[in-house]
C-alpha atoms as a PDB file:
ATOM      1  CA  MET A   1       0.000   0.000   0.000  1.00  0.00           C
ATOM      2  CA  GLU A   2       1.046   3.575  -0.625  1.00  0.00           C
ATOM      3  CA  GLN A   3      -0.334   6.566   1.269  1.00  0.00           C
ATOM      4  CA  LYS A   4      -1.023   9.735  -0.718  1.00  0.00           C
ATOM      5  CA  GLU A   5      -2.663  12.403   1.448  1.00  0.00           C
ATOM      6  CA  GLN A   6      -6.135  10.999   2.303  1.00  0.00           C
ATOM      7  CA  THR A   7      -5.985   8.291  -0.356  1.00  0.00           C
ATOM      8  CA  ILE A   8      -4.454   4.834   0.006  1.00  0.00           C
ATOM      9  CA  LEU A   9      -3.252   3.277  -3.244  1.00  0.00           C
ATOM     10  CA  LEU A  10      -3.724  -0.489  -3.174  1.00  0.00           C
ATOM     11  CA  LYS A  11      -0.854  -2.251  -4.912  1.00  0.00           C
ATOM     12  CA  ARG A  12      -2.398  -5.737  -4.963  1.00  0.00           C
ATOM     13  CA  GLN A  13      -5.896  -4.426  -5.793  1.00  0.00           C
ATOM     14  CA  PRO A  14      -8.441  -6.734  -4.107  1.00  0.00           C
ATOM     15  CA  LYS A  15     -11.365  -7.925  -6.196  1.00  0.00           C
ATOM     16  CA  ILE A  16     -15.102  -8.045  -5.531  1.00  0.00           C
ATOM     17  CA  ILE A  17     -15.769 -11.722  -6.215  1.00  0.00           C
ATOM     18  CA  GLY A  18     -19.368 -11.921  -4.987  1.00  0.00           C
ATOM     19  CA  ASN A  19     -22.354  -9.668  -4.402  1.00  0.00           C
ATOM     20  CA  TYR A  20     -25.937  -9.979  -3.192  1.00  0.00           C
ATOM     21  CA  THR A  21     -28.796  -7.510  -2.707  1.00  0.00           C
ATOM     22  CA  ILE A  22     -32.204  -7.580  -1.002  1.00  0.00           C
ATOM     23  CA  ALA A  23     -34.773  -4.822  -1.542  1.00  0.00           C
ATOM     24  CA  GLY A  24     -38.123  -3.849  -0.113  1.00  0.00           C
ATOM     25  CA  PRO A  25     -41.321  -3.883  -2.219  1.00  0.00           C
ATOM     26  CA  LYS A  26     -41.202  -0.113  -2.888  1.00  0.00           C
ATOM     27  CA  GLU A  27     -37.589  -0.318  -4.042  1.00  0.00           C
ATOM     28  CA  GLY A  28     -38.420  -3.344  -6.159  1.00  0.00           C
ATOM     29  CA  GLN A  29     -40.955  -1.284  -8.098  1.00  0.00           C
ATOM     30  CA  GLY A  30     -38.347   1.338  -8.996  1.00  0.00           C
ATOM     31  CA  ASN A  31     -36.050   1.638 -11.989  1.00  0.00           C
ATOM     32  CA  PHE A  32     -33.460  -0.688 -10.465  1.00  0.00           C
ATOM     33  CA  GLY A  33     -35.900  -3.456  -9.544  1.00  0.00           C
ATOM     34  CA  SER A  34     -34.518  -5.924 -12.083  1.00  0.00           C
ATOM     35  CA  TYR A  35     -31.020  -5.632 -10.607  1.00  0.00           C
ATOM     36  CA  PHE A  36     -31.875  -6.858  -7.109  1.00  0.00           C
ATOM     37  CA  ASP A  37     -31.290 -10.509  -6.237  1.00  0.00           C
ATOM     38  CA  TYR A  38     -34.332 -10.700  -3.962  1.00  0.00           C
ATOM     39  CA  ILE A  39     -37.360  -8.428  -3.514  1.00  0.00           C
ATOM     40  CA  MET A  40     -39.388  -8.720  -0.327  1.00  0.00           C
ATOM     41  CA  LYS A  41     -43.148  -9.237  -0.663  1.00  0.00           C
ATOM     42  CA  ASN A  42     -43.808  -6.880   2.272  1.00  0.00           C
ATOM     43  CA  ASP A  43     -41.847  -4.749   4.721  1.00  0.00           C
ATOM     44  CA  HIS A  44     -42.178  -7.234   7.594  1.00  0.00           C
ATOM     45  CA  PHE A  45     -40.251  -9.978   5.753  1.00  0.00           C
ATOM     46  CA  GLY A  46     -42.078 -12.631   7.797  1.00  0.00           C
ATOM     47  CA  GLN A  47     -41.130 -11.015  11.137  1.00  0.00           C
ATOM     48  CA  ASP A  48     -43.275  -9.371  13.830  1.00  0.00           C
ATOM     49  CA  THR A  49     -41.262  -6.116  13.980  1.00  0.00           C
ATOM     50  CA  PHE A  50     -39.494  -3.967  11.404  1.00  0.00           C
ATOM     51  CA  GLU A  51     -36.265  -4.220  13.408  1.00  0.00           C
ATOM     52  CA  LYS A  52     -36.333  -8.014  13.165  1.00  0.00           C
ATOM     53  CA  ALA A  53     -37.033  -7.701   9.445  1.00  0.00           C
ATOM     54  CA  GLU A  54     -33.927  -5.542   9.066  1.00  0.00           C
ATOM     55  CA  ARG A  55     -31.809  -8.069  10.940  1.00  0.00           C
ATOM     56  CA  LYS A  56     -33.151 -10.843   8.691  1.00  0.00           C
ATOM     57  CA  MET A  57     -32.301  -8.819   5.574  1.00  0.00           C
ATOM     58  CA  VAL A  58     -28.700  -8.401   6.668  1.00  0.00           C
ATOM     59  CA  GLU A  59     -28.376 -12.062   7.636  1.00  0.00           C
ATOM     60  CA  ASN A  60     -29.837 -13.253   4.322  1.00  0.00           C
ATOM     61  CA  ALA A  61     -27.596 -10.877   2.377  1.00  0.00           C
ATOM     62  CA  ILE A  62     -24.541 -12.388   4.070  1.00  0.00           C
ATOM     63  CA  THR A  63     -25.689 -15.922   3.315  1.00  0.00           C
ATOM     64  CA  GLY A  64     -26.417 -14.939  -0.280  1.00  0.00           C
ATOM     65  CA  VAL A  65     -23.090 -13.230  -0.905  1.00  0.00           C
ATOM     66  CA  VAL A  66     -21.046 -16.135   0.451  1.00  0.00           C
ATOM     67  CA  GLU A  67     -22.889 -18.417  -1.966  1.00  0.00           C
ATOM     68  CA  SER A  68     -22.434 -15.873  -4.764  1.00  0.00           C
ATOM     69  CA  ALA A  69     -18.674 -15.978  -4.221  1.00  0.00           C
ATOM     70  CA  LYS A  70     -18.799 -19.790  -4.288  1.00  0.00           C
ATOM     71  CA  LEU A  71     -17.387 -19.946  -0.770  1.00  0.00           C
ATOM     72  CA  SER A  72     -18.523 -21.391   2.535  1.00  0.00           C
ATOM     73  CA  PRO A  73     -18.722 -19.535   5.879  1.00  0.00           C
ATOM     74  CA  LYS A  74     -15.479 -21.177   7.016  1.00  0.00           C
ATOM     75  CA  ASP A  75     -13.675 -19.423   4.143  1.00  0.00           C
ATOM     76  CA  ILE A  76     -14.538 -15.950   5.484  1.00  0.00           C
ATOM     77  CA  ASP A  77     -11.882 -14.302   7.653  1.00  0.00           C
ATOM     78  CA  ILE A  78     -13.958 -11.355   8.846  1.00  0.00           C
ATOM     79  CA  MET A  79     -17.313  -9.655   8.342  1.00  0.00           C
ATOM     80  CA  ILE A  80     -17.431  -5.840   8.277  1.00  0.00           C
ATOM     81  CA  SER A  81     -20.942  -4.459   8.563  1.00  0.00           C
ATOM     82  CA  GLY A  82     -23.075  -1.668   9.946  1.00  0.00           C
ATOM     83  CA  ASP A  83     -26.580  -0.189   9.857  1.00  0.00           C
ATOM     84  CA  LEU A  84     -28.577   2.797  11.116  1.00  0.00           C
ATOM     85  CA  LEU A  85     -29.858   1.475  14.440  1.00  0.00           C
ATOM     86  CA  ASN A  86     -28.437   1.957  17.944  1.00  0.00           C
ATOM     87  CA  GLN A  87     -25.420  -0.261  18.597  1.00  0.00           C
ATOM     88  CA  ILE A  88     -25.637  -1.287  14.899  1.00  0.00           C
ATOM     89  CA  ILE A  89     -27.920  -3.955  16.275  1.00  0.00           C
ATOM     90  CA  SER A  90     -29.099  -5.398  12.946  1.00  0.00           C
ATOM     91  CA  SER A  91     -25.544  -6.216  11.911  1.00  0.00           C
ATOM     92  CA  SER A  92     -24.554  -7.339  15.398  1.00  0.00           C
ATOM     93  CA  TYR A  93     -27.495  -9.720  15.704  1.00  0.00           C
ATOM     94  CA  ALA A  94     -26.954 -11.030  12.170  1.00  0.00           C
ATOM     95  CA  ALA A  95     -23.316 -11.731  13.059  1.00  0.00           C
ATOM     96  CA  ARG A  96     -24.475 -14.153  15.767  1.00  0.00           C
ATOM     97  CA  ALA A  97     -25.581 -16.577  13.077  1.00  0.00           C
ATOM     98  CA  PHE A  98     -22.077 -16.937  11.657  1.00  0.00           C
ATOM     99  CA  GLN A  99     -18.799 -18.198  13.017  1.00  0.00           C
ATOM    100  CA  PHE A 100     -16.424 -15.643  11.471  1.00  0.00           C
ATOM    101  CA  PRO A 101     -15.086 -12.563  13.306  1.00  0.00           C
ATOM    102  CA  PHE A 102     -17.148  -9.373  13.154  1.00  0.00           C
ATOM    103  CA  LEU A 103     -16.062  -5.751  12.850  1.00  0.00           C
ATOM    104  CA  GLY A 104     -18.941  -3.307  13.296  1.00  0.00           C
ATOM    105  CA  VAL A 105     -18.779   0.087  11.590  1.00  0.00           C
ATOM    106  CA  TYR A 106     -21.106   3.069  11.419  1.00  0.00           C
ATOM    107  CA  GLY A 107     -21.063   5.686   8.694  1.00  0.00           C
ATOM    108  CA  ALA A 108     -24.783   6.191   7.983  1.00  0.00           C
ATOM    109  CA  CYS A 109     -25.012   6.546   4.180  1.00  0.00           C
ATOM    110  CA  SER A 110     -21.287   5.846   3.841  1.00  0.00           C
ATOM    111  CA  THR A 111     -21.330   2.544   5.756  1.00  0.00           C
ATOM    112  CA  MET A 112     -20.943   0.292   2.697  1.00  0.00           C
ATOM    113  CA  ALA A 113     -18.132   2.404   1.263  1.00  0.00           C
ATOM    114  CA  GLU A 114     -16.464   2.448   4.677  1.00  0.00           C
ATOM    115  CA  SER A 115     -16.756  -1.339   4.971  1.00  0.00           C
ATOM    116  CA  ILE A 116     -15.240  -1.872   1.520  1.00  0.00           C
ATOM    117  CA  ALA A 117     -12.432   0.608   2.264  1.00  0.00           C
ATOM    118  CA  ILE A 118     -11.448  -1.145   5.494  1.00  0.00           C
ATOM    119  CA  GLY A 119     -11.887  -4.600   3.974  1.00  0.00           C
ATOM    120  CA  SER A 120      -9.770  -3.696   0.950  1.00  0.00           C
ATOM    121  CA  VAL A 121      -6.920  -2.498   3.151  1.00  0.00           C
ATOM    122  CA  LEU A 122      -7.040  -5.742   5.155  1.00  0.00           C
ATOM    123  CA  VAL A 123      -6.965  -7.888   2.010  1.00  0.00           C
ATOM    124  CA  ASP A 124      -4.361  -5.772   0.233  1.00  0.00           C
ATOM    125  CA  GLY A 125      -2.116  -5.920   3.289  1.00  0.00           C
ATOM    126  CA  GLY A 126      -2.330  -9.716   3.377  1.00  0.00           C
ATOM    127  CA  PHE A 127      -4.065  -9.796   6.759  1.00  0.00           C
ATOM    128  CA  CYS A 128      -7.270 -11.417   5.439  1.00  0.00           C
ATOM    129  CA  LYS A 129      -8.018 -13.631   2.453  1.00  0.00           C
ATOM    130  CA  ASN A 130     -11.802 -13.273   2.137  1.00  0.00           C
ATOM    131  CA  VAL A 131     -13.780 -10.391   3.655  1.00  0.00           C
ATOM    132  CA  VAL A 132     -17.553  -9.918   3.717  1.00  0.00           C
ATOM    133  CA  CYS A 133     -18.716  -6.287   3.590  1.00  0.00           C
ATOM    134  CA  CYS A 134     -22.367  -5.625   4.308  1.00  0.00           C
ATOM    135  CA  THR A 135     -24.930  -3.011   5.286  1.00  0.00           C
ATOM    136  CA  GLY A 136     -28.691  -2.693   5.555  1.00  0.00           C
ATOM    137  CA  SER A 137     -31.462  -0.277   6.455  1.00  0.00           C
ATOM    138  CA  HIS A 138     -35.241  -0.249   6.768  1.00  0.00           C
ATOM    139  CA  PHE A 139     -37.458   2.769   6.170  1.00  0.00           C
ATOM    140  CA  SER A 140     -39.728   2.003   9.106  1.00  0.00           C
ATOM    141  CA  THR A 141     -36.916   1.455  11.613  1.00  0.00           C
ATOM    142  CA  ALA A 142     -35.114   4.595  10.442  1.00  0.00           C
ATOM    143  CA  GLU A 143     -38.272   6.674  10.867  1.00  0.00           C
ATOM    144  CA  ARG A 144     -38.590   5.488  14.465  1.00  0.00           C
ATOM    145  CA  GLN A 145     -34.872   6.013  15.065  1.00  0.00           C
ATOM    146  CA  TYR A 146     -34.473   9.496  13.592  1.00  0.00           C
ATOM    147  CA  ARG A 147     -37.906  11.055  13.199  1.00  0.00           C
ATOM    148  CA  PHE A 148     -41.302   9.737  14.335  1.00  0.00           C
ATOM    149  CA  PRO A 149     -42.720   6.185  14.602  1.00  0.00           C
ATOM    150  CA  LEU A 150     -45.108   5.421  11.744  1.00  0.00           C
ATOM    151  CA  GLU A 151     -47.841   4.700  14.294  1.00  0.00           C
ATOM    152  CA  LEU A 152     -48.074   8.427  15.075  1.00  0.00           C
ATOM    153  CA  GLY A 153     -49.228   9.194  11.543  1.00  0.00           C
ATOM    154  CA  ASN A 154     -47.096  12.330  11.197  1.00  0.00           C
ATOM    155  CA  GLN A 155     -47.302  14.153   7.884  1.00  0.00           C
ATOM    156  CA  ARG A 156     -44.193  14.115   5.710  1.00  0.00           C
ATOM    157  CA  PRO A 157     -43.314  17.136   3.554  1.00  0.00           C
ATOM    158  CA  PRO A 158     -43.021  16.452  -0.196  1.00  0.00           C
ATOM    159  CA  THR A 159     -39.254  17.028  -0.027  1.00  0.00           C
ATOM    160  CA  ALA A 160     -38.602  14.515   2.771  1.00  0.00           C
ATOM    161  CA  GLN A 161     -36.084  11.804   1.926  1.00  0.00           C
ATOM    162  CA  TRP A 162     -36.976   8.111   2.000  1.00  0.00           C
ATOM    163  CA  THR A 163     -34.584   5.732   3.741  1.00  0.00           C
ATOM    164  CA  VAL A 164     -34.166   2.611   1.635  1.00  0.00           C
ATOM    165  CA  THR A 165     -35.477  -0.747   2.782  1.00  0.00           C
ATOM    166  CA  GLY A 166     -32.803  -3.173   1.696  1.00  0.00           C
ATOM    167  CA  ALA A 167     -29.456  -4.818   2.349  1.00  0.00           C
ATOM    168  CA  GLY A 168     -26.376  -5.390   0.259  1.00  0.00           C
ATOM    169  CA  ALA A 169     -23.174  -7.357   0.633  1.00  0.00           C
ATOM    170  CA  CYS A 170     -20.010  -8.172  -1.263  1.00  0.00           C
ATOM    171  CA  VAL A 171     -16.953 -10.386  -0.795  1.00  0.00           C
ATOM    172  CA  LEU A 172     -13.445  -8.986  -1.213  1.00  0.00           C
ATOM    173  CA  SER A 173     -10.609 -11.348  -2.090  1.00  0.00           C
ATOM    174  CA  MET A 174      -7.331 -11.657  -3.959  1.00  0.00           C
ATOM    175  CA  GLU A 175      -8.592 -14.874  -5.555  1.00  0.00           C
ATOM    176  CA  GLY A 176     -11.133 -15.108  -8.367  1.00  0.00           C
ATOM    177  CA  ASN A 177     -12.382 -12.529 -10.844  1.00  0.00           C
ATOM    178  CA  GLY A 178     -14.308  -9.317 -10.445  1.00  0.00           C
ATOM    179  CA  PRO A 179     -14.023  -5.523 -10.283  1.00  0.00           C
ATOM    180  CA  LYS A 180     -10.807  -4.337  -8.632  1.00  0.00           C
ATOM    181  CA  VAL A 181     -10.535  -1.874  -5.761  1.00  0.00           C
ATOM    182  CA  THR A 182      -7.555   0.254  -6.756  1.00  0.00           C
ATOM    183  CA  MET A 183      -7.630   2.934  -4.051  1.00  0.00           C
ATOM    184  CA  VAL A 184      -9.635   4.148  -1.077  1.00  0.00           C
ATOM    185  CA  THR A 185     -10.074   7.638   0.327  1.00  0.00           C
ATOM    186  CA  PHE A 186     -11.080   8.312   3.921  1.00  0.00           C
ATOM    187  CA  GLY A 187     -13.050  11.544   4.152  1.00  0.00           C
ATOM    188  CA  LYS A 188     -13.284  14.335   6.682  1.00  0.00           C
ATOM    189  CA  VAL A 189     -16.332  15.607   8.569  1.00  0.00           C
ATOM    190  CA  VAL A 190     -17.608  18.859   7.041  1.00  0.00           C
ATOM    191  CA  ASP A 191     -20.512  20.574   8.816  1.00  0.00           C
ATOM    192  CA  TRP A 192     -22.447  23.279   6.963  1.00  0.00           C
ATOM    193  CA  GLY A 193     -24.855  23.776   9.856  1.00  0.00           C
ATOM    194  CA  ILE A 194     -27.872  22.191   8.182  1.00  0.00           C
ATOM    195  CA  ASN A 195     -30.532  21.541  10.847  1.00  0.00           C
ATOM    196  CA  ASP A 196     -33.544  20.566   8.733  1.00  0.00           C
ATOM    197  CA  VAL A 197     -34.188  16.891   9.494  1.00  0.00           C
ATOM    198  CA  ASN A 198     -36.195  16.595   6.266  1.00  0.00           C
ATOM    199  CA  ASN A 199     -33.331  17.839   4.089  1.00  0.00           C
ATOM    200  CA  MET A 200     -30.366  15.585   4.685  1.00  0.00           C
ATOM    201  CA  GLY A 201     -29.357  16.049   1.056  1.00  0.00           C
ATOM    202  CA  ALA A 202     -28.160  19.549   1.910  1.00  0.00           C
ATOM    203  CA  ALA A 203     -26.090  18.166   4.785  1.00  0.00           C
ATOM    204  CA  MET A 204     -24.368  15.781   2.368  1.00  0.00           C
ATOM    205  CA  ALA A 205     -23.764  18.453  -0.296  1.00  0.00           C
ATOM    206  CA  PRO A 206     -20.153  19.123   0.867  1.00  0.00           C
ATOM    207  CA  VAL A 207     -19.217  15.661  -0.414  1.00  0.00           C
ATOM    208  CA  ILE A 208     -20.245  16.653  -3.927  1.00  0.00           C
ATOM    209  CA  ASP A 209     -18.409  19.956  -3.546  1.00  0.00           C
ATOM    210  CA  ILE A 210     -15.170  18.284  -2.415  1.00  0.00           C
ATOM    211  CA  ILE A 211     -15.127  15.233  -4.697  1.00  0.00           C
ATOM    212  CA  GLY A 212     -16.825  16.830  -7.677  1.00  0.00           C
ATOM    213  CA  PRO A 213     -19.611  15.531  -9.942  1.00  0.00           C
END
């Protein structure tokens, strides 16, 4: 590896050898519906709470991506995952079902990129052979976590964002074929003082300004 300011250049360039995605029914009806591996029939996913549904999404995504990479759980050196709930509980509970080590991360919308960045450094450095990177979120759990529970029936402004219901995972490895991770950049926190909970896009605008379109 070579450090260049905030960017790490990966000399061995790990590959993404497996991927798997799960989406909620609303997401499945969108323009990207045909690209998802599995679309849920309803937001409960056979569970009695939305939080349990989110945990199940993450767990199923991990199972699916290991199969996609043509590996078994014993081949995985570490799982790096996070979500939007307190104590990243969806990822933590999903990790109980597997026997590989778990590294929990939290970056909100950047969690998947953060997982891949850390996983790529571990693989490129020769510390791990196969790394699972995963994240998930659920609209109904995020509303309860950050705004108001759906049961309250609060009105949403037309400009309010919609947290995705879905989970995604990939496997990083030096073996096999797939897209290469050539470099990773760890960002800085930039606060523009945005305090409108319904306009998180404005809070994320500095990323566009710094990285460019």
